[in-house]
Amino acid sequence: MFLSDFLSPLKPSDFTPQNDFLTSQLGLKASFYTDSFPDLENEKFDLAIIGVLDDRGTPTNLGCRLAPDHFRQYFYQLHEGDFECKLIDLGNILHGETLKDTYIALKTVVETLIKLNILPIIIGGGQDLTFAQYWAYEGLEQRVDLVVVDSKFDIDEDAESETTTANSFLNKIFLHQPNYLFNYSNIGYQTYFVNQDSLKVMNKLYFDVHRLGEFAHDLSLTEPIIRNADMLSFDVGVIRSSDACGNANATPNGFYGEDACRIARYAGMNDKLTSFGLYEFNPAFDNNGQTAMLVAQIVWYFMEGFYNRKQDFPMTPKSQYVIYRTTLKDSGGDLIFVKSKRSDRWWMQVPYPSGNSKNERFHLVPCRYEDYNLAVNGEMTDLWWRTYQKLS
């Protein structure tokens, strides 16, 4: 089975400006799947853009299937940054006969690219495609840390078990067998969009969910959360409507456009991250291309972050790290922290309960300097406790 079986080639003339691209613009820096499918094994690419022309899973935002081609009209006119991008655009996955066919196609493409050490950037389509993005990791046989940037939890208690929609794809992920989800984190939920019973479920499962207001004064708090992700799903609807009106479900509150770009840059810098999905942009509701340009800039910042990765995870060589040991109050034991000399970023060591891991003694969790200070004062951090419970 070849990837070309799932992908439709591009016509660069559809998004090339009348006077052609400038030499520094991405339209002349990137490669494109046009006539013959590229040799991905022998040609060196770091990143691959994949469009998905299917919105059947998001009935409240029909029209977002048109997003990939609209996005390209703006993205390729951006100039290359202080990096040499090795980017290929592999065209679009057409909607299958059924929605499940589309999921299988996206799963296969993402899984294959990750195995080739090429990071897929998925431009949807509905956010239900997150399930297919997640499903790709089944063939990789690894645990997955999933981060979703969204104004709500996409859990629908009334959804049928066989149905996957943009409002219920987490049902599918949480119940999927085999279960290889280690952690789920939400960034930016707004409480009035969230069923309180869903919050109780998140707490019971020791998942990390964070209200929009937590980041109002310090967006850098998102960085360690994002640094823990293997895959990230970004719903354009999490951006306030004044900055991104191109979504049928846009609302007045949310992240600012520059916040979204910064979050994407953090994601790109994450050494663990192997796939990035950007969903729910709907050109039918866009105003003068404002949202299309913002989505293009979000992807640009993701690329900039990718080419500024510090390669300081996992912890090798040990000479590039400083180890800090703290003692908790009332003989509560020690907490061990690790600081990278390259990036000044922090991690916390959480030991595996006895007998729960044959190969590793501890799990490294991204954290902040403030977590270390809390431990210095003898206090247990909530992040350590939740992680330990998940390892049990």
Foldseek 3Di string as FASTA:
>chain_A
DDLVVFFDFDDLVLQADPVGADCQFQSNQEAGGHPDQDPLLPDDAAEEEEEEQDAPQAVLWPQQSPQPSLLSNQQRNDGADPDRHRYYYYHYGYCDPDNVVSLVSLLVVLLVCVVSNHFYEYRDHALLNVLSNVNNCVVVPAAFEEEEEDQEALPDPPDDQPGTHSSHSVVCLVPDPPNRYLEYEYPAHAVVRYDVVVVVVCVVLLHHYDHNVVPPPPLCQCLLVLLVGQEYEYEPLQEACVQAVQASNHHHDHHHLVSLLVSLLSNLQRPNHRYYYYHRGHPVRDDPCRNSNSVSSSVSSNVVSVRVHQPPPPPPPVVQKDKDWFAAPPRPGIWIKIAGNRPRWIWTWAAQPPPLDDPDGTDIGTDHVVCVVCRNVRDHDSVNVSSRVSSD
